[in-house]
Amino acid sequence: MTNIIGMLDLTSIGERTASERKQRKLSQIQVARIAGVSRQTMDLLENGRATEIGYSKLVRILAAVGLELRLEPLSLERPTLDDLLREDAGGD
């Protein structure tokens, strides 16, 4: 699964979710059904209008489009080129 790294707000997560959903040629209704949420929830998330969303809903939505939520130590340093290449290749 692809991961979400460095995204701190629901707007960014929603944008990434919409992008992945479209890439997989899924409608909001299809993802909503898979995730067990309403299409309205999908619309609010993807269009940056969700003020809050429960953790379990968010995780189910992300999984439905092939993403996962990861917790990693906060790094205040800029990543090196090697770090970026490793992230792009899917390695840790």
N, C-alpha and C. Protein backbone atom coordinates (compact mmCIF):
# COMPACT_ATOMS: atom_id res chain seq x y z
N MET A 1 0.83 -1.19 0.00
CA MET A 1 0.00 0.00 0.00
C MET A 1 0.87 1.25 0.00
N THR A 2 0.38 2.25 -0.66
CA THR A 2 1.04 3.54 -0.67
C THR A 2 0.81 4.20 0.68
N ASN A 3 1.72 5.08 1.09
CA ASN A 3 1.51 5.71 2.39
C ASN A 3 1.34 7.21 2.25
N ILE A 4 0.85 7.80 3.30
CA ILE A 4 0.70 9.24 3.39
C ILE A 4 1.72 9.72 4.40
N ILE A 5 2.68 10.50 3.93
CA ILE A 5 3.74 10.98 4.82
C ILE A 5 3.75 12.51 4.79
N GLY A 6 3.83 13.11 5.95
CA GLY A 6 3.99 14.54 6.04
C GLY A 6 2.71 15.34 5.80
N MET A 7 1.59 14.69 5.77
CA MET A 7 0.33 15.40 5.59
C MET A 7 -0.28 15.64 6.96
N LEU A 8 -0.48 16.89 7.28
CA LEU A 8 -0.90 17.21 8.63
C LEU A 8 -2.37 17.61 8.74
N ASP A 9 -3.07 17.76 7.61
CA ASP A 9 -4.45 18.20 7.71
C ASP A 9 -5.37 17.38 6.82
N LEU A 10 -6.66 17.46 7.11
CA LEU A 10 -7.65 16.70 6.36
C LEU A 10 -7.74 17.14 4.91
N THR A 11 -7.46 18.41 4.63
CA THR A 11 -7.52 18.89 3.25
C THR A 11 -6.50 18.15 2.39
N SER A 12 -5.28 18.02 2.87
CA SER A 12 -4.24 17.30 2.13
C SER A 12 -4.59 15.82 1.98
N ILE A 13 -5.09 15.23 3.04
CA ILE A 13 -5.47 13.82 2.99
C ILE A 13 -6.62 13.63 2.00
N GLY A 14 -7.58 14.55 2.01
CA GLY A 14 -8.70 14.48 1.09
C GLY A 14 -8.27 14.60 -0.36
N GLU A 15 -7.34 15.51 -0.62
CA GLU A 15 -6.84 15.68 -1.99
C GLU A 15 -6.15 14.42 -2.47
N ARG A 16 -5.34 13.83 -1.61
CA ARG A 16 -4.63 12.60 -1.98
C ARG A 16 -5.61 11.44 -2.17
N THR A 17 -6.64 11.38 -1.33
CA THR A 17 -7.66 10.34 -1.44
C THR A 17 -8.38 10.45 -2.78
N ALA A 18 -8.76 11.67 -3.15
CA ALA A 18 -9.44 11.89 -4.44
C ALA A 18 -8.55 11.48 -5.60
N SER A 19 -7.30 11.84 -5.52
CA SER A 19 -6.35 11.49 -6.59
C SER A 19 -6.22 9.98 -6.75
N GLU A 20 -6.06 9.28 -5.65
CA GLU A 20 -5.94 7.82 -5.70
C GLU A 20 -7.23 7.17 -6.19
N ARG A 21 -8.36 7.69 -5.74
CA ARG A 21 -9.65 7.14 -6.17
C ARG A 21 -9.81 7.28 -7.68
N LYS A 22 -9.50 8.45 -8.19
CA LYS A 22 -9.63 8.70 -9.63
C LYS A 22 -8.65 7.84 -10.43
N GLN A 23 -7.44 7.68 -9.91
CA GLN A 23 -6.45 6.85 -10.58
C GLN A 23 -6.94 5.40 -10.69
N ARG A 24 -7.67 4.95 -9.70
CA ARG A 24 -8.21 3.58 -9.70
C ARG A 24 -9.56 3.49 -10.42
N LYS A 25 -10.00 4.64 -10.96
CA LYS A 25 -11.26 4.70 -11.71
C LYS A 25 -12.47 4.25 -10.87
N LEU A 26 -12.48 4.73 -9.62
CA LEU A 26 -13.58 4.45 -8.71
C LEU A 26 -14.39 5.72 -8.49
N SER A 27 -15.69 5.58 -8.33
CA SER A 27 -16.54 6.72 -8.01
C SER A 27 -16.55 6.92 -6.49
N GLN A 28 -17.00 8.10 -6.08
CA GLN A 28 -17.15 8.34 -4.64
C GLN A 28 -18.14 7.34 -4.04
N ILE A 29 -19.18 7.02 -4.78
CA ILE A 29 -20.18 6.06 -4.28
C ILE A 29 -19.56 4.69 -4.07
N GLN A 30 -18.73 4.24 -5.01
CA GLN A 30 -18.08 2.93 -4.87
C GLN A 30 -17.18 2.89 -3.64
N VAL A 31 -16.38 3.91 -3.47
CA VAL A 31 -15.47 3.96 -2.31
C VAL A 31 -16.27 4.05 -1.02
N ALA A 32 -17.32 4.86 -1.03
CA ALA A 32 -18.16 4.99 0.16
C ALA A 32 -18.74 3.64 0.57
N ARG A 33 -19.21 2.87 -0.41
CA ARG A 33 -19.77 1.55 -0.10
C ARG A 33 -18.71 0.62 0.46
N ILE A 34 -17.55 0.61 -0.16
CA ILE A 34 -16.45 -0.25 0.32
C ILE A 34 -16.07 0.12 1.75
N ALA A 35 -15.99 1.42 2.02
CA ALA A 35 -15.54 1.92 3.33
C ALA A 35 -16.66 1.95 4.37
N GLY A 36 -17.90 1.80 3.93
CA GLY A 36 -19.01 1.85 4.88
C GLY A 36 -19.31 3.25 5.39
N VAL A 37 -19.14 4.24 4.50
CA VAL A 37 -19.46 5.63 4.85
C VAL A 37 -20.42 6.18 3.81
N SER A 38 -20.92 7.37 4.02
CA SER A 38 -21.83 7.97 3.05
C SER A 38 -21.03 8.64 1.93
N ARG A 39 -21.69 8.84 0.79
CA ARG A 39 -21.05 9.56 -0.31
C ARG A 39 -20.79 11.00 0.11
N GLN A 40 -21.67 11.53 0.95
CA GLN A 40 -21.48 12.89 1.45
C GLN A 40 -20.18 13.01 2.24
N THR A 41 -19.87 12.00 3.04
CA THR A 41 -18.60 11.99 3.79
C THR A 41 -17.43 12.03 2.82
N MET A 42 -17.52 11.24 1.76
CA MET A 42 -16.46 11.23 0.74
C MET A 42 -16.31 12.62 0.12
N ASP A 43 -17.43 13.23 -0.24
CA ASP A 43 -17.40 14.54 -0.86
C ASP A 43 -16.80 15.58 0.08
N LEU A 44 -17.21 15.56 1.34
CA LEU A 44 -16.67 16.51 2.31
C LEU A 44 -15.16 16.35 2.47
N LEU A 45 -14.70 15.11 2.57
CA LEU A 45 -13.27 14.85 2.74
C LEU A 45 -12.49 15.29 1.50
N GLU A 46 -12.93 14.85 0.33
CA GLU A 46 -12.18 15.12 -0.89
C GLU A 46 -12.17 16.59 -1.29
N ASN A 47 -13.17 17.32 -0.88
CA ASN A 47 -13.26 18.73 -1.27
C ASN A 47 -12.88 19.70 -0.16
N GLY A 48 -12.22 19.18 0.88
CA GLY A 48 -11.67 20.03 1.93
C GLY A 48 -12.70 20.68 2.83
N ARG A 49 -13.89 20.09 2.90
CA ARG A 49 -14.93 20.67 3.75
C ARG A 49 -15.19 19.86 5.01
N ALA A 50 -14.46 18.78 5.20
CA ALA A 50 -14.62 17.97 6.42
C ALA A 50 -13.84 18.65 7.54
N THR A 51 -14.53 19.00 8.60
CA THR A 51 -13.84 19.63 9.73
C THR A 51 -13.27 18.57 10.66
N GLU A 52 -13.95 17.44 10.75
CA GLU A 52 -13.48 16.31 11.56
C GLU A 52 -14.00 15.04 10.93
N ILE A 53 -13.25 13.98 11.12
CA ILE A 53 -13.69 12.66 10.67
C ILE A 53 -13.10 11.65 11.64
N GLY A 54 -13.87 10.68 12.01
CA GLY A 54 -13.39 9.69 12.96
C GLY A 54 -12.24 8.86 12.39
N TYR A 55 -11.38 8.40 13.28
CA TYR A 55 -10.22 7.62 12.87
C TYR A 55 -10.62 6.38 12.08
N SER A 56 -11.59 5.62 12.57
CA SER A 56 -11.94 4.37 11.89
C SER A 56 -12.52 4.64 10.51
N LYS A 57 -13.30 5.70 10.36
CA LYS A 57 -13.83 6.06 9.04
C LYS A 57 -12.69 6.42 8.10
N LEU A 58 -11.78 7.25 8.58
CA LEU A 58 -10.67 7.68 7.75
C LEU A 58 -9.82 6.50 7.29
N VAL A 59 -9.52 5.60 8.21
CA VAL A 59 -8.70 4.43 7.87
C VAL A 59 -9.42 3.56 6.84
N ARG A 60 -10.72 3.38 6.98
CA ARG A 60 -11.49 2.57 6.02
C ARG A 60 -11.51 3.22 4.64
N ILE A 61 -11.67 4.54 4.60
CA ILE A 61 -11.66 5.26 3.32
C ILE A 61 -10.30 5.12 2.65
N LEU A 62 -9.25 5.34 3.42
CA LEU A 62 -7.91 5.23 2.86
C LEU A 62 -7.64 3.83 2.34
N ALA A 63 -8.03 2.82 3.09
CA ALA A 63 -7.81 1.44 2.66
C ALA A 63 -8.58 1.15 1.37
N ALA A 64 -9.76 1.73 1.23
CA ALA A 64 -10.59 1.50 0.04
C ALA A 64 -9.93 2.02 -1.23
N VAL A 65 -9.04 3.01 -1.09
CA VAL A 65 -8.34 3.54 -2.27
C VAL A 65 -6.86 3.14 -2.28
N GLY A 66 -6.49 2.20 -1.40
CA GLY A 66 -5.12 1.69 -1.42
C GLY A 66 -4.10 2.51 -0.66
N LEU A 67 -4.56 3.29 0.29
CA LEU A 67 -3.64 4.10 1.11
C LEU A 67 -3.70 3.61 2.56
N GLU A 68 -2.72 4.00 3.32
CA GLU A 68 -2.72 3.70 4.75
C GLU A 68 -2.22 4.90 5.52
N LEU A 69 -2.64 4.99 6.76
CA LEU A 69 -2.21 6.07 7.65
C LEU A 69 -1.07 5.52 8.49
N ARG A 70 0.04 6.24 8.52
CA ARG A 70 1.20 5.80 9.29
C ARG A 70 1.60 6.87 10.29
N LEU A 71 2.05 6.42 11.42
CA LEU A 71 2.61 7.31 12.42
C LEU A 71 4.11 7.13 12.41
N GLU A 72 4.81 8.23 12.25
CA GLU A 72 6.26 8.20 12.21
C GLU A 72 6.80 9.35 13.04
N PRO A 73 8.00 9.20 13.54
CA PRO A 73 8.59 10.30 14.31
C PRO A 73 8.67 11.56 13.45
N LEU A 74 8.35 12.68 14.05
CA LEU A 74 8.40 13.96 13.37
C LEU A 74 9.86 14.35 13.16
N SER A 75 10.18 14.67 11.93
CA SER A 75 11.52 15.12 11.61
C SER A 75 11.45 16.58 11.21
N LEU A 76 12.14 17.40 11.92
CA LEU A 76 12.14 18.82 11.61
C LEU A 76 13.24 19.17 10.62
N GLU A 77 14.06 18.18 10.28
CA GLU A 77 15.12 18.40 9.31
C GLU A 77 14.60 18.13 7.92
N ARG A 78 15.17 18.80 6.94
CA ARG A 78 14.79 18.55 5.55
C ARG A 78 15.34 17.20 5.13
N PRO A 79 14.57 16.44 4.34
CA PRO A 79 15.05 15.13 3.91
C PRO A 79 16.22 15.27 2.94
N THR A 80 17.09 14.28 2.97
CA THR A 80 18.19 14.24 2.01
C THR A 80 17.68 13.66 0.70
N LEU A 81 18.48 13.77 -0.34
CA LEU A 81 18.12 13.17 -1.62
C LEU A 81 17.96 11.66 -1.47
N ASP A 82 18.83 11.03 -0.69
CA ASP A 82 18.71 9.59 -0.44
C ASP A 82 17.39 9.26 0.25
N ASP A 83 16.97 10.09 1.22
CA ASP A 83 15.70 9.87 1.90
C ASP A 83 14.54 9.93 0.91
N LEU A 84 14.55 10.92 0.04
CA LEU A 84 13.48 11.08 -0.95
C LEU A 84 13.45 9.92 -1.94
N LEU A 85 14.61 9.50 -2.39
CA LEU A 85 14.69 8.37 -3.33
C LEU A 85 14.19 7.09 -2.67
N ARG A 86 14.58 6.89 -1.42
CA ARG A 86 14.13 5.69 -0.68
C ARG A 86 12.61 5.72 -0.50
N GLU A 87 12.07 6.88 -0.16
CA GLU A 87 10.62 7.01 0.01
C GLU A 87 9.90 6.75 -1.31
N ASP A 88 10.44 7.29 -2.39
CA ASP A 88 9.83 7.11 -3.71
C ASP A 88 9.86 5.65 -4.14
N ALA A 89 10.91 4.94 -3.74
CA ALA A 89 11.04 3.52 -4.09
C ALA A 89 10.21 2.63 -3.15
N GLY A 90 9.63 3.21 -2.12
CA GLY A 90 8.80 2.43 -1.20
C GLY A 90 9.58 1.80 -0.06
N GLY A 91 10.83 2.11 0.06
CA GLY A 91 11.64 1.55 1.16
C GLY A 91 11.61 2.43 2.37
N ASP A 92 11.96 1.85 3.51
CA ASP A 92 11.99 2.63 4.77
C ASP A 92 13.39 2.92 5.20
